[in-house]
């Protein structure tokens, strides 16, 4: 299994605000996600709906608290 790369918070913020990455709250529970959602983040449910339209090279950063 491939190792998942960790991204420092500042780098993640730069990528998301620069439009180079999607920030996804990794909780399936929408209520929980809404209580800890970071600026610029989308819910897991929203991400799943967008998957078919994403390019293969789209960077995605998942987070959970």
PDB file of N, CA and C in Angstrom:
ATOM      1  N   UNK A   1       0.837  -1.174   0.000  1.00  0.00           N
ATOM      2  CA  UNK A   1       0.000   0.000   0.000  1.00  0.00           C
ATOM      3  C   UNK A   1       0.886   1.242   0.000  1.00  0.00           C
ATOM      4  N   UNK A   2       0.510   2.221  -0.793  1.00  0.00           N
ATOM      5  CA  UNK A   2       1.292   3.452  -0.891  1.00  0.00           C
ATOM      6  C   UNK A   2       1.119   4.287   0.380  1.00  0.00           C
ATOM      7  N   UNK A   3       2.179   4.939   0.755  1.00  0.00           N
ATOM      8  CA  UNK A   3       2.133   5.805   1.928  1.00  0.00           C
ATOM      9  C   UNK A   3       1.439   7.109   1.565  1.00  0.00           C
ATOM     10  N   UNK A   4       0.618   7.600   2.464  1.00  0.00           N
ATOM     11  CA  UNK A   4      -0.094   8.851   2.243  1.00  0.00           C
ATOM     12  C   UNK A   4       0.816   9.997   2.663  1.00  0.00           C
ATOM     13  N   UNK A   5       0.967  10.958   1.771  1.00  0.00           N
ATOM     14  CA  UNK A   5       1.825  12.107   2.061  1.00  0.00           C
ATOM     15  C   UNK A   5       1.117  13.064   3.015  1.00  0.00           C
ATOM     16  N   UNK A   6       1.840  13.543   4.001  1.00  0.00           N
ATOM     17  CA  UNK A   6       1.310  14.552   4.909  1.00  0.00           C
ATOM     18  C   UNK A   6       1.721  15.923   4.387  1.00  0.00           C
ATOM     19  N   UNK A   7       0.786  16.855   4.458  1.00  0.00           N
ATOM     20  CA  UNK A   7       1.026  18.201   3.957  1.00  0.00           C
ATOM     21  C   UNK A   7       0.973  19.161   5.139  1.00  0.00           C
ATOM     22  N   UNK A   8       2.017  19.956   5.330  1.00  0.00           N
ATOM     23  CA  UNK A   8       1.971  20.943   6.416  1.00  0.00           C
ATOM     24  C   UNK A   8       0.786  21.896   6.219  1.00  0.00           C
ATOM     25  N   UNK A   9       0.221  22.362   7.315  1.00  0.00           N
ATOM     26  CA  UNK A   9      -0.978  23.202   7.264  1.00  0.00           C
ATOM     27  C   UNK A   9      -0.803  24.434   6.376  1.00  0.00           C
ATOM     28  N   UNK A  10       0.314  25.115   6.497  1.00  0.00           N
ATOM     29  CA  UNK A  10       0.542  26.336   5.702  1.00  0.00           C
ATOM     30  C   UNK A  10       0.589  26.011   4.209  1.00  0.00           C
ATOM     31  N   UNK A  11       1.231  24.910   3.850  1.00  0.00           N
ATOM     32  CA  UNK A  11       1.300  24.499   2.446  1.00  0.00           C
ATOM     33  C   UNK A  11      -0.096  24.137   1.925  1.00  0.00           C
ATOM     34  N   UNK A  12      -0.868  23.434   2.730  1.00  0.00           N
ATOM     35  CA  UNK A  12      -2.235  23.071   2.340  1.00  0.00           C
ATOM     36  C   UNK A  12      -3.065  24.324   2.101  1.00  0.00           C
ATOM     37  N   UNK A  13      -2.959  25.274   3.008  1.00  0.00           N
ATOM     38  CA  UNK A  13      -3.710  26.538   2.871  1.00  0.00           C
ATOM     39  C   UNK A  13      -3.335  27.261   1.584  1.00  0.00           C
ATOM     40  N   UNK A  14      -2.054  27.317   1.267  1.00  0.00           N
ATOM     41  CA  UNK A  14      -1.604  27.980   0.042  1.00  0.00           C
ATOM     42  C   UNK A  14      -2.155  27.279  -1.193  1.00  0.00           C
ATOM     43  N   UNK A  15      -2.133  25.968  -1.185  1.00  0.00           N
ATOM     44  CA  UNK A  15      -2.644  25.216  -2.330  1.00  0.00           C
ATOM     45  C   UNK A  15      -4.145  25.414  -2.508  1.00  0.00           C
ATOM     46  N   UNK A  16      -4.880  25.406  -1.414  1.00  0.00           N
ATOM     47  CA  UNK A  16      -6.336  25.558  -1.490  1.00  0.00           C
ATOM     48  C   UNK A  16      -6.702  26.980  -1.911  1.00  0.00           C
ATOM     49  N   UNK A  17      -6.105  27.978  -1.282  1.00  0.00           N
ATOM     50  CA  UNK A  17      -6.440  29.362  -1.628  1.00  0.00           C
ATOM     51  C   UNK A  17      -5.965  29.721  -3.025  1.00  0.00           C
ATOM     52  N   UNK A  18      -4.939  29.025  -3.505  1.00  0.00           N
ATOM     53  CA  UNK A  18      -4.444  29.253  -4.858  1.00  0.00           C
ATOM     54  C   UNK A  18      -5.171  28.439  -5.919  1.00  0.00           C
ATOM     55  N   UNK A  19      -6.161  27.649  -5.488  1.00  0.00           N
ATOM     56  CA  UNK A  19      -6.940  26.864  -6.434  1.00  0.00           C
ATOM     57  C   UNK A  19      -6.231  25.646  -6.985  1.00  0.00           C
ATOM     58  N   UNK A  20      -5.148  25.229  -6.343  1.00  0.00           N
ATOM     59  CA  UNK A  20      -4.378  24.084  -6.832  1.00  0.00           C
ATOM     60  C   UNK A  20      -4.776  22.773  -6.166  1.00  0.00           C
ATOM     61  N   UNK A  21      -5.608  22.836  -5.120  1.00  0.00           N
ATOM     62  CA  UNK A  21      -6.014  21.618  -4.408  1.00  0.00           C
ATOM     63  C   UNK A  21      -7.406  21.810  -3.820  1.00  0.00           C
ATOM     64  N   UNK A  22      -8.098  20.702  -3.641  1.00  0.00           N
ATOM     65  CA  UNK A  22      -9.371  20.696  -2.939  1.00  0.00           C
ATOM     66  C   UNK A  22      -9.117  20.276  -1.500  1.00  0.00           C
ATOM     67  N   UNK A  23      -9.770  20.923  -0.573  1.00  0.00           N
ATOM     68  CA  UNK A  23      -9.673  20.575   0.842  1.00  0.00           C
ATOM     69  C   UNK A  23     -10.981  19.907   1.234  1.00  0.00           C
ATOM     70  N   UNK A  24     -10.888  18.673   1.727  1.00  0.00           N
ATOM     71  CA  UNK A  24     -12.081  17.886   2.011  1.00  0.00           C
ATOM     72  C   UNK A  24     -12.088  17.452   3.472  1.00  0.00           C
ATOM     73  N   UNK A  25     -13.180  17.761   4.159  1.00  0.00           N
ATOM     74  CA  UNK A  25     -13.389  17.266   5.519  1.00  0.00           C
ATOM     75  C   UNK A  25     -13.749  15.786   5.392  1.00  0.00           C
ATOM     76  N   UNK A  26     -12.995  14.910   6.007  1.00  0.00           N
ATOM     77  CA  UNK A  26     -13.105  13.467   5.781  1.00  0.00           C
ATOM     78  C   UNK A  26     -14.174  12.764   6.608  1.00  0.00           C
ATOM     79  N   UNK A  27     -14.978  13.495   7.339  1.00  0.00           N
ATOM     80  CA  UNK A  27     -16.036  12.869   8.124  1.00  0.00           C
ATOM     81  C   UNK A  27     -17.275  12.633   7.268  1.00  0.00           C
ATOM     82  N   UNK A  28     -17.858  11.436   7.375  1.00  0.00           N
ATOM     83  CA  UNK A  28     -19.086  11.138   6.645  1.00  0.00           C
ATOM     84  C   UNK A  28     -20.280  11.856   7.259  1.00  0.00           C
ATOM     85  N   UNK A  29     -20.247  12.098   8.545  1.00  0.00           N
ATOM     86  CA  UNK A  29     -21.328  12.765   9.248  1.00  0.00           C
ATOM     87  C   UNK A  29     -21.303  14.266   8.917  1.00  0.00           C
ATOM     88  N   UNK A  30     -22.309  14.711   8.156  1.00  0.00           N
ATOM     89  CA  UNK A  30     -22.364  16.111   7.724  1.00  0.00           C
ATOM     90  C   UNK A  30     -22.383  17.078   8.911  1.00  0.00           C
ATOM     91  N   UNK A  31     -23.125  16.735   9.971  1.00  0.00           N
ATOM     92  CA  UNK A  31     -23.213  17.616  11.139  1.00  0.00           C
ATOM     93  C   UNK A  31     -21.843  17.797  11.779  1.00  0.00           C
ATOM     94  N   UNK A  32     -21.107  16.715  11.920  1.00  0.00           N
ATOM     95  CA  UNK A  32     -19.766  16.794  12.510  1.00  0.00           C
ATOM     96  C   UNK A  32     -18.847  17.601  11.605  1.00  0.00           C
ATOM     97  N   UNK A  33     -18.941  17.358  10.327  1.00  0.00           N
ATOM     98  CA  UNK A  33     -18.114  18.095   9.359  1.00  0.00           C
ATOM     99  C   UNK A  33     -18.393  19.596   9.458  1.00  0.00           C
ATOM    100  N   UNK A  34     -19.656  19.958   9.552  1.00  0.00           N
ATOM    101  CA  UNK A  34     -20.022  21.374   9.617  1.00  0.00           C
ATOM    102  C   UNK A  34     -19.500  22.058  10.868  1.00  0.00           C
ATOM    103  N   UNK A  35     -19.301  21.307  11.949  1.00  0.00           N
ATOM    104  CA  UNK A  35     -18.806  21.930  13.180  1.00  0.00           C
ATOM    105  C   UNK A  35     -17.296  22.163  13.142  1.00  0.00           C
ATOM    106  N   UNK A  36     -16.591  21.438  12.277  1.00  0.00           N
ATOM    107  CA  UNK A  36     -15.128  21.599  12.228  1.00  0.00           C
ATOM    108  C   UNK A  36     -14.620  21.990  10.842  1.00  0.00           C
ATOM    109  N   UNK A  37     -15.523  22.438   9.974  1.00  0.00           N
ATOM    110  CA  UNK A  37     -15.136  22.763   8.594  1.00  0.00           C
ATOM    111  C   UNK A  37     -14.169  23.949   8.563  1.00  0.00           C
ATOM    112  N   UNK A  38     -13.082  23.784   7.876  1.00  0.00           N
ATOM    113  CA  UNK A  38     -12.088  24.843   7.703  1.00  0.00           C
ATOM    114  C   UNK A  38     -12.472  25.712   6.512  1.00  0.00           C
ATOM    115  N   UNK A  39     -11.974  26.941   6.478  1.00  0.00           N
ATOM    116  CA  UNK A  39     -12.234  27.831   5.346  1.00  0.00           C
ATOM    117  C   UNK A  39     -11.783  27.179   4.048  1.00  0.00           C
ATOM    118  N   UNK A  40     -12.656  27.191   3.071  1.00  0.00           N
ATOM    119  CA  UNK A  40     -12.329  26.645   1.763  1.00  0.00           C
ATOM    120  C   UNK A  40     -12.571  25.159   1.621  1.00  0.00           C
ATOM    121  N   UNK A  41     -12.987  24.488   2.696  1.00  0.00           N
ATOM    122  CA  UNK A  41     -13.193  23.038   2.660  1.00  0.00           C
ATOM    123  C   UNK A  41     -14.581  22.691   2.142  1.00  0.00           C
ATOM    124  N   UNK A  42     -14.686  21.487   1.599  1.00  0.00           N
ATOM    125  CA  UNK A  42     -15.971  20.943   1.205  1.00  0.00           C
ATOM    126  C   UNK A  42     -16.197  19.657   2.001  1.00  0.00           C
ATOM    127  N   UNK A  43     -17.438  19.245   2.077  1.00  0.00           N
ATOM    128  CA  UNK A  43     -17.754  18.020   2.808  1.00  0.00           C
ATOM    129  C   UNK A  43     -17.396  16.796   1.965  1.00  0.00           C
ATOM    130  N   UNK A  44     -17.298  15.660   2.623  1.00  0.00           N
ATOM    131  CA  UNK A  44     -17.022  14.409   1.923  1.00  0.00           C
ATOM    132  C   UNK A  44     -18.135  14.107   0.929  1.00  0.00           C
ATOM    133  N   UNK A  45     -19.356  14.382   1.313  1.00  0.00           N
ATOM    134  CA  UNK A  45     -20.500  14.157   0.424  1.00  0.00           C
ATOM    135  C   UNK A  45     -20.388  15.024  -0.833  1.00  0.00           C
ATOM    136  N   UNK A  46     -20.016  16.277  -0.668  1.00  0.00           N
ATOM    137  CA  UNK A  46     -19.834  17.168  -1.821  1.00  0.00           C
ATOM    138  C   UNK A  46     -18.693  16.682  -2.702  1.00  0.00           C
ATOM    139  N   UNK A  47     -17.622  16.236  -2.061  1.00  0.00           N
ATOM    140  CA  UNK A  47     -16.481  15.713  -2.820  1.00  0.00           C
ATOM    141  C   UNK A  47     -16.895  14.505  -3.648  1.00  0.00           C
ATOM    142  N   UNK A  48     -17.621  13.566  -3.030  1.00  0.00           N
ATOM    143  CA  UNK A  48     -18.044  12.367  -3.741  1.00  0.00           C
ATOM    144  C   UNK A  48     -18.899  12.717  -4.960  1.00  0.00           C
ATOM    145  N   UNK A  49     -19.729  13.746  -4.852  1.00  0.00           N
ATOM    146  CA  UNK A  49     -20.556  14.177  -5.977  1.00  0.00           C
ATOM    147  C   UNK A  49     -19.711  14.776  -7.101  1.00  0.00           C
ATOM    148  N   UNK A  50     -18.564  15.379  -6.754  1.00  0.00           N
ATOM    149  CA  UNK A  50     -17.708  16.025  -7.747  1.00  0.00           C
ATOM    150  C   UNK A  50     -16.688  15.095  -8.384  1.00  0.00           C
ATOM    151  N   UNK A  51     -16.473  13.920  -7.809  1.00  0.00           N
ATOM    152  CA  UNK A  51     -15.436  13.009  -8.296  1.00  0.00           C
ATOM    153  C   UNK A  51     -15.505  12.773  -9.815  1.00  0.00           C
ATOM    154  N   UNK A  52     -16.681  12.498 -10.379  1.00  0.00           N
ATOM    155  CA  UNK A  52     -16.724  12.232 -11.822  1.00  0.00           C
ATOM    156  C   UNK A  52     -16.217  13.390 -12.691  1.00  0.00           C
ATOM    157  N   UNK A  53     -16.295  14.601 -12.190  1.00  0.00           N
ATOM    158  CA  UNK A  53     -15.878  15.752 -12.987  1.00  0.00           C
ATOM    159  C   UNK A  53     -14.446  16.211 -12.708  1.00  0.00           C
ATOM    160  N   UNK A  54     -13.770  15.579 -11.770  1.00  0.00           N
ATOM    161  CA  UNK A  54     -12.402  15.980 -11.426  1.00  0.00           C
ATOM    162  C   UNK A  54     -11.394  15.388 -12.400  1.00  0.00           C
ATOM    163  N   UNK A  55     -10.365  16.146 -12.683  1.00  0.00           N
ATOM    164  CA  UNK A  55      -9.280  15.639 -13.513  1.00  0.00           C
ATOM    165  C   UNK A  55      -8.417  14.657 -12.736  1.00  0.00           C
ATOM    166  N   UNK A  56      -7.718  13.814 -13.458  1.00  0.00           N
ATOM    167  CA  UNK A  56      -6.861  12.809 -12.813  1.00  0.00           C
ATOM    168  C   UNK A  56      -5.740  13.439 -11.992  1.00  0.00           C
ATOM    169  N   UNK A  57      -5.328  14.628 -12.329  1.00  0.00           N
ATOM    170  CA  UNK A  57      -4.227  15.281 -11.627  1.00  0.00           C
ATOM    171  C   UNK A  57      -4.685  16.256 -10.548  1.00  0.00           C
ATOM    172  N   UNK A  58      -5.970  16.281 -10.271  1.00  0.00           N
ATOM    173  CA  UNK A  58      -6.494  17.185  -9.233  1.00  0.00           C
ATOM    174  C   UNK A  58      -5.964  16.742  -7.865  1.00  0.00           C
ATOM    175  N   UNK A  59      -5.267  17.625  -7.211  1.00  0.00           N
ATOM    176  CA  UNK A  59      -4.784  17.314  -5.861  1.00  0.00           C
ATOM    177  C   UNK A  59      -5.929  17.470  -4.869  1.00  0.00           C
ATOM    178  N   UNK A  60      -6.031  16.507  -3.976  1.00  0.00           N
ATOM    179  CA  UNK A  60      -7.076  16.515  -2.950  1.00  0.00           C
ATOM    180  C   UNK A  60      -6.407  16.335  -1.594  1.00  0.00           C
ATOM    181  N   UNK A  61      -6.758  17.211  -0.667  1.00  0.00           N
ATOM    182  CA  UNK A  61      -6.222  17.138   0.685  1.00  0.00           C
ATOM    183  C   UNK A  61      -7.386  16.834   1.627  1.00  0.00           C
ATOM    184  N   UNK A  62      -7.310  15.692   2.292  1.00  0.00           N
ATOM    185  CA  UNK A  62      -8.326  15.300   3.262  1.00  0.00           C
ATOM    186  C   UNK A  62      -7.826  15.650   4.649  1.00  0.00           C
ATOM    187  N   UNK A  63      -8.756  16.046   5.513  1.00  0.00           N
ATOM    188  CA  UNK A  63      -8.382  16.303   6.901  1.00  0.00           C
ATOM    189  C   UNK A  63      -9.490  15.819   7.825  1.00  0.00           C
ATOM    190  N   UNK A  64      -9.102  15.538   9.048  1.00  0.00           N
ATOM    191  CA  UNK A  64     -10.050  15.260  10.112  1.00  0.00           C
ATOM    192  C   UNK A  64      -9.417  15.771  11.403  1.00  0.00           C
ATOM    193  N   UNK A  65     -10.252  16.057  12.381  1.00  0.00           N
ATOM    194  CA  UNK A  65      -9.730  16.619  13.618  1.00  0.00           C
ATOM    195  C   UNK A  65      -9.847  15.629  14.745  1.00  0.00           C
TER     196      UNK A  65
END
